[in-house]
Amino acid sequence: MEEIQPEAVAAPAGKARKEVIPFTGYQQFIILILALLQFTIILDFMIISPLGDILLKTLGLSTSQFGSVVSAYAISAGISGILAAGFADKFDRKKLLLFFYSGFIVGTAFCALAYNYQTLLLARVVTGLFGGVVGSISMAIITDVFTLSQRGRVMGFVQMAFAGSQILGVPIGLLLANIWGWHATFIMVVILSVLIGVAVVTRLKPLTEHLKLQSDKNALHHLWHTIQKRDYRIGFMATAMLSLGGFMLMPFTSAFLVNNVMIAQADLPVIFFFTGISSMIIMPLIGRLSDRVDKFKIFVFGSVVAAIMVVVYTNLGPVPIWMVIVINMILFMGIMSRMVPATALNSAVPEMYDRGAFMSINSSLQQMAGGVAAMFAGLVVVQAAESSPLKHFDTLGYVMVVIMVICIFLVYRVSRVVKRKLPVSS
């Protein structure tokens, strides 16, 4: 099979933010396949939250146990990412992607077979060990193949998987859960993932250009040299704090809507559908904008919008479903306006020979921070009985606002690192 040559050649200084470079046909295929990969990974992780009320009642889980189920995936993904980081730049990225995606499929199949708290917890650990690394490999591929002036649009399209999971994945998953039980949702993810895996095997070309630039023969040395670099540590810290806030509300969203806002379980797919539709429209626009305008400015705008809407959302009482949908749409507009530019900026921090390791560590910190946030949420939120309103959900919102303020400072530092490098690299 023909080996692809990276197209991420440095853009001339002064043109990186103004000139819009079109995608080739093969680049368009890469965007599509990576978006589909992300769709399954995100859906597998996100579906736990909409299924939360069902799982709490069906398996008789406490809020702390449910928080552990959510965090098990994230923490195991973080650990595996750290362990894989030293090897991430030692192999063809396609082979590495297939290895970890295959493990993710097996782990998700185990989730479909789980029958109590212990087996579900173990299945989520296995899924996280493999699934958590797929995102970092995808990011390394994006950074290899696309210039910095293209990555805002690429991130916008690839992260549409987040919206797609809400438009199609979550509503269909909830529908299957209501008809055949929650196990059917994971079976759906397995079938879809197998089909995508076949496309990766048959269509994606090898990605080995980074192997020519390796200087560290030992994987542990490569990992250590990556962690030692100051600019990289700034990127790592920004990612961890972004994830710490982002994962805090997610585990108990459906339980909050059902028990506090008095939205019927059957109406939850409607909320996720319309929120996903709005995200699907907004993300490409944000992506294009972040290739033309200063990415940090867009991030600040998104942070302000998200902070306001988080406080509104976490203090909701019983309201009509249309109001929940509108609030969700505005909230996710703010969230996407943070995610896209921040991810694009962070992708420009590592050099080519460090990208796999950097993305693995970055993804690990993202997952582990998310796991810590989910566990923290499980300890803060209290539910007296299975149908009682959640208490202290608003506390999570105020904590998130503080974290968002800290993130503005950290992403500003990442932006300065990238601007310092821009004249000589992409």
Protein backbone atom coordinates (compact mmCIF):
# COMPACT_ATOMS: atom_id res chain seq x y z
CA MET A 1 0.00 0.00 0.00
CA GLU A 2 1.25 3.45 -0.86
CA GLU A 3 2.61 5.41 2.10
CA ILE A 4 1.10 8.84 2.64
CA GLN A 5 3.46 11.76 2.90
CA PRO A 6 2.48 14.32 5.50
CA GLU A 7 1.00 17.49 4.06
CA ALA A 8 1.46 19.56 7.22
CA VAL A 9 4.17 21.73 5.72
CA ALA A 10 4.82 25.00 7.49
CA ALA A 11 2.69 27.86 6.24
CA PRO A 12 4.48 31.12 5.42
CA ALA A 13 4.60 33.63 8.24
CA GLY A 14 1.81 36.15 8.03
CA LYS A 15 -0.48 33.84 6.03
CA ALA A 16 -1.24 31.23 8.67
CA ARG A 17 -4.37 32.97 9.90
CA LYS A 18 -5.58 34.62 6.68
CA GLU A 19 -5.16 32.22 3.77
CA VAL A 20 -7.72 29.39 3.66
CA ILE A 21 -6.00 26.28 2.26
CA PRO A 22 -8.46 23.84 0.62
CA PHE A 23 -8.53 20.14 1.50
CA THR A 24 -7.43 17.44 -0.93
CA GLY A 25 -9.71 14.48 -1.65
CA TYR A 26 -7.69 12.19 0.62
CA GLN A 27 -7.68 14.77 3.40
CA GLN A 28 -11.46 14.85 3.15
CA PHE A 29 -11.53 11.06 3.59
CA ILE A 30 -9.29 11.34 6.66
CA ILE A 31 -11.62 13.94 8.18
CA LEU A 32 -14.60 11.65 7.57
CA ILE A 33 -13.02 8.49 8.98
CA LEU A 34 -11.62 10.27 12.04
CA ALA A 35 -15.01 11.90 12.66
CA LEU A 36 -16.67 8.46 12.53
CA LEU A 37 -14.04 7.03 14.89
CA GLN A 38 -14.62 9.88 17.29
CA PHE A 39 -18.38 9.40 16.95
CA THR A 40 -18.16 5.86 18.33
CA ILE A 41 -15.64 6.73 21.05
CA ILE A 42 -17.62 9.76 22.22
CA LEU A 43 -20.95 7.93 21.99
CA ASP A 44 -19.62 5.02 24.06
CA PHE A 45 -18.49 7.46 26.75
CA MET A 46 -21.38 9.92 26.56
CA ILE A 47 -24.19 7.36 26.48
CA ILE A 48 -23.54 6.51 30.13
CA SER A 49 -24.90 9.90 31.17
CA PRO A 50 -28.26 9.68 29.32
CA LEU A 51 -28.57 6.10 30.56
CA GLY A 52 -27.77 7.34 34.07
CA ASP A 53 -31.32 7.42 35.41
CA ILE A 54 -32.03 3.98 33.91
CA LEU A 55 -28.82 2.48 35.34
CA LEU A 56 -29.36 4.05 38.76
CA LYS A 57 -32.78 2.40 38.97
CA THR A 58 -32.17 -0.86 37.05
CA LEU A 59 -28.91 -1.83 38.76
CA GLY A 60 -29.74 -0.09 42.04
CA LEU A 61 -26.61 2.07 41.94
CA SER A 62 -25.89 4.85 44.40
CA THR A 63 -24.72 8.23 43.08
CA SER A 64 -21.16 7.48 44.21
CA GLN A 65 -21.21 4.07 42.46
CA PHE A 66 -22.49 5.66 39.27
CA GLY A 67 -19.76 8.29 39.50
CA SER A 68 -17.25 5.43 39.79
CA VAL A 69 -18.66 3.74 36.66
CA VAL A 70 -18.23 6.97 34.71
CA SER A 71 -14.77 7.70 36.08
CA ALA A 72 -13.55 4.10 35.60
CA TYR A 73 -13.45 4.61 31.84
CA ALA A 74 -11.71 7.97 32.14
CA ILE A 75 -9.09 6.97 34.69
CA SER A 76 -8.18 3.69 32.94
CA ALA A 77 -7.96 5.60 29.65
CA GLY A 78 -5.62 8.07 31.28
CA ILE A 79 -3.36 5.37 32.66
CA SER A 80 -3.16 3.51 29.34
CA GLY A 81 -2.40 6.76 27.53
CA ILE A 82 0.58 7.43 29.79
CA LEU A 83 1.83 3.86 29.32
CA ALA A 84 1.39 4.11 25.54
CA ALA A 85 2.99 7.56 25.22
CA GLY A 86 6.56 6.30 25.02
CA PHE A 87 5.63 3.95 22.17
CA ALA A 88 3.23 6.29 20.34
CA ASP A 89 5.91 7.61 17.94
CA LYS A 90 7.61 4.23 17.42
CA PHE A 91 4.99 2.66 15.13
CA ASP A 92 2.94 3.35 12.04
CA ARG A 93 0.00 5.41 13.31
CA LYS A 94 -2.46 3.30 11.29
CA LYS A 95 -1.35 0.05 12.98
CA LEU A 96 -1.45 1.69 16.40
CA LEU A 97 -4.95 3.02 15.70
CA LEU A 98 -6.24 -0.40 14.65
CA PHE A 99 -4.77 -2.12 17.72
CA PHE A 100 -6.41 0.21 20.21
CA TYR A 101 -9.69 0.50 18.30
CA SER A 102 -10.00 -3.30 18.24
CA GLY A 103 -9.55 -3.36 22.01
CA PHE A 104 -12.18 -0.66 22.35
CA ILE A 105 -14.67 -2.80 20.40
CA VAL A 106 -13.99 -5.79 22.66
CA GLY A 107 -14.43 -3.65 25.79
CA THR A 108 -17.73 -2.25 24.54
CA ALA A 109 -18.93 -5.82 23.88
CA PHE A 110 -18.14 -6.61 27.52
CA CYS A 111 -20.29 -3.62 28.54
CA ALA A 112 -23.20 -5.15 26.64
CA LEU A 113 -22.76 -8.35 28.67
CA ALA A 114 -22.54 -6.67 32.10
CA TYR A 115 -25.27 -7.54 34.61
CA ASN A 116 -24.38 -5.70 37.85
CA TYR A 117 -22.25 -2.89 39.27
CA GLN A 118 -19.05 -4.96 39.46
CA THR A 119 -19.19 -6.35 35.91
CA LEU A 120 -20.14 -2.98 34.42
CA LEU A 121 -17.29 -1.30 36.30
CA LEU A 122 -14.79 -3.88 35.01
CA ALA A 123 -16.12 -3.57 31.45
CA ARG A 124 -15.75 0.22 31.55
CA VAL A 125 -12.13 -0.19 32.72
CA VAL A 126 -11.33 -2.45 29.75
CA THR A 127 -13.07 -0.11 27.30
CA GLY A 128 -11.20 2.89 28.68
CA LEU A 129 -7.81 1.16 28.50
CA PHE A 130 -8.14 1.00 24.72
CA GLY A 131 -10.65 3.69 23.78
CA GLY A 132 -8.84 6.48 25.56
CA VAL A 133 -5.78 6.17 23.31
CA VAL A 134 -7.75 6.30 20.03
CA GLY A 135 -8.41 10.02 20.40
CA SER A 136 -4.72 10.85 20.90
CA ILE A 137 -3.72 8.82 17.83
CA SER A 138 -6.38 10.62 15.81
CA MET A 139 -5.00 13.97 16.97
CA ALA A 140 -1.47 12.92 15.97
CA ILE A 141 -2.77 11.97 12.51
CA ILE A 142 -4.50 15.33 12.14
CA THR A 143 -1.33 17.17 13.14
CA ASP A 144 0.74 15.10 10.68
CA VAL A 145 -1.56 15.63 7.71
CA PHE A 146 -2.99 19.15 8.14
CA THR A 147 -1.32 22.55 8.51
CA LEU A 148 -2.15 24.78 11.47
CA SER A 149 -4.17 27.05 9.16
CA GLN A 150 -6.38 24.05 8.29
CA ARG A 151 -6.76 22.55 11.75
CA GLY A 152 -9.50 24.84 13.03
CA ARG A 153 -11.77 23.58 10.25
CA VAL A 154 -10.59 20.00 10.76
CA MET A 155 -11.31 20.17 14.50
CA GLY A 156 -14.69 21.70 13.73
CA PHE A 157 -15.60 18.80 11.44
CA VAL A 158 -14.05 15.99 13.50
CA GLN A 159 -15.58 17.27 16.71
CA MET A 160 -18.95 17.32 14.98
CA ALA A 161 -18.86 13.72 16.16
CA PHE A 162 -19.82 15.16 19.53
CA ALA A 163 -22.92 16.73 18.00
CA GLY A 164 -23.59 13.66 15.86
CA SER A 165 -23.61 11.46 18.93
CA GLN A 166 -26.34 13.68 20.38
CA ILE A 167 -28.39 13.91 17.18
CA LEU A 168 -28.28 10.23 16.21
CA GLY A 169 -26.35 8.13 18.72
CA VAL A 170 -27.89 9.17 22.03
CA PRO A 171 -31.55 9.31 20.89
CA ILE A 172 -31.25 5.96 19.07
CA GLY A 173 -29.34 4.49 22.01
CA LEU A 174 -32.03 5.64 24.45
CA LEU A 175 -34.76 4.31 22.14
CA LEU A 176 -33.08 0.90 22.00
CA ALA A 177 -32.64 0.99 25.80
CA ASN A 178 -36.34 1.73 26.30
CA ILE A 179 -37.36 -1.12 23.98
CA TRP A 180 -34.80 -3.90 24.59
CA GLY A 181 -32.89 -2.72 27.67
CA TRP A 182 -29.72 -0.69 28.11
CA HIS A 183 -27.50 -3.57 26.89
CA ALA A 184 -28.83 -3.02 23.35
CA THR A 185 -27.25 0.43 23.26
CA PHE A 186 -23.74 -1.01 23.60
CA ILE A 187 -24.48 -3.70 20.99
CA MET A 188 -25.33 -0.88 18.56
CA VAL A 189 -21.95 0.77 19.24
CA VAL A 190 -20.11 -2.53 18.66
CA ILE A 191 -21.76 -3.14 15.27
CA LEU A 192 -21.07 0.41 14.08
CA SER A 193 -17.45 0.27 15.29
CA VAL A 194 -16.75 -2.96 13.41
CA LEU A 195 -17.93 -1.36 10.15
CA ILE A 196 -15.72 1.70 10.73
CA GLY A 197 -12.77 -0.53 11.59
CA VAL A 198 -13.11 -2.28 8.21
CA ALA A 199 -12.96 1.12 6.47
CA VAL A 200 -9.76 2.00 8.35
CA VAL A 201 -8.15 -1.30 7.32
CA THR A 202 -9.04 -0.95 3.65
CA ARG A 203 -8.73 2.79 2.96
CA LEU A 204 -6.36 4.51 5.40
CA LYS A 205 -2.75 4.67 4.18
CA PRO A 206 0.24 4.05 6.46
CA LEU A 207 1.54 7.06 8.40
CA THR A 208 5.23 6.55 9.11
CA GLU A 209 6.95 9.84 8.22
CA HIS A 210 7.48 10.63 11.91
CA LEU A 211 9.62 7.48 12.29
CA LYS A 212 12.42 9.13 10.29
CA LEU A 213 12.80 11.85 12.93
CA GLN A 214 13.15 9.69 16.04
CA SER A 215 16.22 10.19 18.23
CA ASP A 216 15.15 8.37 21.42
CA LYS A 217 15.55 4.63 20.93
CA ASN A 218 14.12 3.80 24.34
CA ALA A 219 10.38 4.35 24.85
CA LEU A 220 10.80 5.47 28.46
CA HIS A 221 13.44 8.01 27.43
CA HIS A 222 11.09 9.36 24.78
CA LEU A 223 8.31 9.68 27.34
CA TRP A 224 10.60 11.41 29.83
CA HIS A 225 12.00 13.84 27.23
CA THR A 226 8.45 14.75 26.20
CA ILE A 227 7.37 15.49 29.78
CA GLN A 228 10.52 17.54 30.45
CA LYS A 229 9.73 20.20 27.85
CA ARG A 230 8.28 23.34 29.43
CA ASP A 231 6.07 24.33 26.51
CA TYR A 232 4.54 20.86 26.46
CA ARG A 233 3.77 21.02 30.18
CA ILE A 234 1.82 24.26 29.60
CA GLY A 235 -0.31 22.43 27.02
CA PHE A 236 -0.81 19.48 29.36
CA MET A 237 -1.98 21.71 32.22
CA ALA A 238 -4.45 23.57 29.99
CA THR A 239 -5.95 20.29 28.75
CA ALA A 240 -6.31 18.89 32.26
CA MET A 241 -8.13 21.96 33.55
CA LEU A 242 -10.41 22.10 30.49
CA SER A 243 -11.43 18.50 31.08
CA LEU A 244 -11.83 18.94 34.83
CA GLY A 245 -14.62 21.43 34.26
CA GLY A 246 -16.11 19.75 31.21
CA PHE A 247 -16.75 16.37 32.83
CA MET A 248 -18.23 17.66 36.06
CA LEU A 249 -21.89 18.03 35.04
CA MET A 250 -22.09 15.24 32.49
CA PRO A 251 -22.64 12.15 34.70
CA PHE A 252 -25.79 13.46 36.36
CA THR A 253 -27.36 15.50 33.54
CA SER A 254 -30.16 13.05 32.75
CA ALA A 255 -30.92 12.35 36.42
CA PHE A 256 -31.06 16.12 37.07
CA LEU A 257 -33.44 16.72 34.16
CA VAL A 258 -35.72 13.85 35.17
CA ASN A 259 -35.81 14.38 38.94
CA ASN A 260 -35.30 18.15 39.31
CA VAL A 261 -36.54 19.73 36.09
CA MET A 262 -39.34 17.15 35.79
CA ILE A 263 -38.60 16.17 32.18
CA ALA A 264 -40.02 12.75 31.31
CA GLN A 265 -37.46 10.01 30.57
CA ALA A 266 -39.13 9.52 27.16
CA ASP A 267 -38.51 13.20 26.30
CA LEU A 268 -34.75 13.13 26.90
CA PRO A 269 -33.93 12.06 23.29
CA VAL A 270 -35.71 15.20 22.06
CA ILE A 271 -33.45 17.43 24.16
CA PHE A 272 -30.29 15.65 23.01
CA PHE A 273 -31.48 15.72 19.39
CA PHE A 274 -32.04 19.48 19.21
CA THR A 275 -28.88 20.22 21.20
CA GLY A 276 -26.94 18.06 18.75
CA ILE A 277 -28.50 19.79 15.73
CA SER A 278 -27.41 23.19 17.03
CA SER A 279 -23.90 21.87 17.75
CA MET A 280 -23.70 20.38 14.26
CA ILE A 281 -24.39 23.81 12.79
CA ILE A 282 -22.17 25.77 15.18
CA MET A 283 -19.01 23.63 15.18
CA PRO A 284 -18.01 24.08 11.50
CA LEU A 285 -18.69 27.81 11.82
CA ILE A 286 -16.46 28.03 14.88
CA GLY A 287 -13.84 25.96 13.06
CA ARG A 288 -13.78 28.31 10.06
CA LEU A 289 -13.77 31.36 12.31
CA SER A 290 -10.84 30.04 14.34
CA ASP A 291 -8.79 29.70 11.13
CA ARG A 292 -9.40 33.39 10.36
CA VAL A 293 -9.53 35.06 13.79
CA ASP A 294 -7.31 34.78 16.85
CA LYS A 295 -8.17 31.43 18.43
CA PHE A 296 -7.68 32.69 21.98
CA LYS A 297 -10.25 35.47 21.51
CA ILE A 298 -12.83 32.92 20.39
CA PHE A 299 -11.97 30.78 23.42
CA VAL A 300 -12.56 33.71 25.79
CA PHE A 301 -15.93 34.45 24.16
CA GLY A 302 -16.98 30.81 24.51
CA SER A 303 -15.85 30.73 28.13
CA VAL A 304 -17.96 33.76 29.07
CA VAL A 305 -21.06 32.32 27.38
CA ALA A 306 -20.51 28.88 28.92
CA ALA A 307 -19.95 30.27 32.44
CA ILE A 308 -23.20 32.24 32.38
CA MET A 309 -25.23 29.34 31.02
CA VAL A 310 -23.74 26.80 33.44
CA VAL A 311 -25.00 28.87 36.38
CA VAL A 312 -28.44 29.17 34.75
CA TYR A 313 -28.61 25.46 33.91
CA THR A 314 -27.53 24.11 37.29
CA ASN A 315 -30.12 26.26 39.09
CA LEU A 316 -33.09 25.18 36.96
CA GLY A 317 -36.33 24.05 38.55
CA PRO A 318 -39.38 22.59 36.78
CA VAL A 319 -39.62 24.40 33.40
CA PRO A 320 -41.09 23.59 29.96
CA ILE A 321 -39.01 21.34 27.72
CA TRP A 322 -38.58 24.09 25.09
CA MET A 323 -36.79 26.24 27.67
CA VAL A 324 -34.41 23.40 28.53
CA ILE A 325 -33.66 22.95 24.82
CA VAL A 326 -32.89 26.67 24.31
CA ILE A 327 -30.66 26.82 27.39
CA ASN A 328 -28.85 23.66 26.26
CA MET A 329 -28.28 25.08 22.79
CA ILE A 330 -26.71 28.29 24.10
CA LEU A 331 -24.65 26.37 26.66
CA PHE A 332 -23.22 24.05 24.02
CA MET A 333 -22.49 26.99 21.72
CA GLY A 334 -20.23 28.29 24.49
CA ILE A 335 -18.70 24.86 25.09
CA MET A 336 -17.91 24.32 21.40
CA SER A 337 -16.45 27.82 21.15
CA ARG A 338 -13.99 26.70 23.82
CA MET A 339 -13.26 23.17 22.58
CA VAL A 340 -12.46 23.89 18.93
CA PRO A 341 -9.92 26.75 19.28
CA ALA A 342 -8.31 25.25 22.41
CA THR A 343 -7.80 21.88 20.69
CA ALA A 344 -6.46 23.50 17.53
CA LEU A 345 -4.00 25.59 19.56
CA ASN A 346 -2.79 22.63 21.59
CA SER A 347 -2.21 20.59 18.42
CA ALA A 348 0.44 23.13 17.35
CA VAL A 349 2.52 22.81 20.53
CA PRO A 350 4.51 19.57 19.83
CA GLU A 351 7.15 18.96 17.17
CA MET A 352 6.46 16.18 14.64
CA TYR A 353 8.79 13.67 16.33
CA ASP A 354 6.97 14.17 19.66
CA ARG A 355 3.38 14.35 18.43
CA GLY A 356 2.35 10.80 19.27
CA ALA A 357 3.79 10.99 22.78
CA PHE A 358 2.44 14.51 23.35
CA MET A 359 -1.07 13.55 22.20
CA SER A 360 -1.03 10.38 24.32
CA ILE A 361 -0.02 12.25 27.47
CA ASN A 362 -2.46 15.03 26.62
CA SER A 363 -5.29 12.56 26.13
CA SER A 364 -4.33 10.75 29.34
CA LEU A 365 -4.49 13.92 31.39
CA GLN A 366 -7.78 14.80 29.73
CA GLN A 367 -9.26 11.42 30.62
CA MET A 368 -7.87 11.31 34.15
CA ALA A 369 -9.02 14.85 34.88
CA GLY A 370 -12.45 13.85 33.61
CA GLY A 371 -12.42 10.81 35.86
CA VAL A 372 -11.50 12.91 38.88
CA ALA A 373 -14.29 15.37 37.98
CA ALA A 374 -16.85 12.55 37.69
CA MET A 375 -15.80 11.10 41.05
CA PHE A 376 -15.95 14.56 42.62
CA ALA A 377 -19.44 15.08 41.19
CA GLY A 378 -20.53 11.72 42.59
CA LEU A 379 -19.40 12.76 46.05
CA VAL A 380 -20.97 16.24 45.91
CA VAL A 381 -24.35 15.31 44.42
CA VAL A 382 -26.74 13.52 46.76
CA GLN A 383 -30.01 11.72 46.02
CA ALA A 384 -32.07 10.54 49.00
CA ALA A 385 -34.13 8.01 47.02
CA GLU A 386 -34.16 6.82 43.39
CA SER A 387 -36.83 9.37 42.39
CA SER A 388 -35.81 12.21 44.72
CA PRO A 389 -34.40 15.52 43.38
CA LEU A 390 -30.62 15.78 43.23
CA LYS A 391 -29.07 18.04 45.85
CA HIS A 392 -25.99 20.27 45.44
CA PHE A 393 -26.03 20.10 41.62
CA ASP A 394 -25.74 23.91 41.60
CA THR A 395 -22.49 23.64 43.61
CA LEU A 396 -20.92 21.84 40.64
CA GLY A 397 -21.89 24.80 38.43
CA TYR A 398 -20.11 27.34 40.63
CA VAL A 399 -17.00 25.15 40.77
CA MET A 400 -17.04 24.94 36.97
CA VAL A 401 -17.10 28.73 36.63
CA VAL A 402 -13.96 29.04 38.78
CA ILE A 403 -12.23 26.40 36.65
CA MET A 404 -13.20 28.23 33.45
CA VAL A 405 -11.52 31.40 34.71
CA ILE A 406 -8.32 29.47 35.41
CA CYS A 407 -8.53 27.92 31.92
CA ILE A 408 -8.55 31.35 30.27
CA PHE A 409 -5.14 32.08 31.79
CA LEU A 410 -3.73 28.66 30.80
CA VAL A 411 -4.99 28.77 27.21
CA TYR A 412 -3.54 32.30 26.92
CA ARG A 413 -0.14 30.80 27.74
CA VAL A 414 -0.65 28.06 25.13
CA SER A 415 -1.54 30.74 22.58
CA ARG A 416 1.71 32.57 23.33
CA VAL A 417 3.71 29.35 22.84
CA VAL A 418 2.07 28.73 19.47
CA LYS A 419 2.57 32.31 18.25
CA ARG A 420 6.23 32.10 19.19
CA LYS A 421 6.61 28.99 17.03
CA LEU A 422 4.41 30.09 14.12
CA PRO A 423 7.07 31.75 11.90
CA VAL A 424 9.15 28.54 11.79
CA SER A 425 6.62 25.70 12.06
CA SER A 426 2.96 24.83 11.69
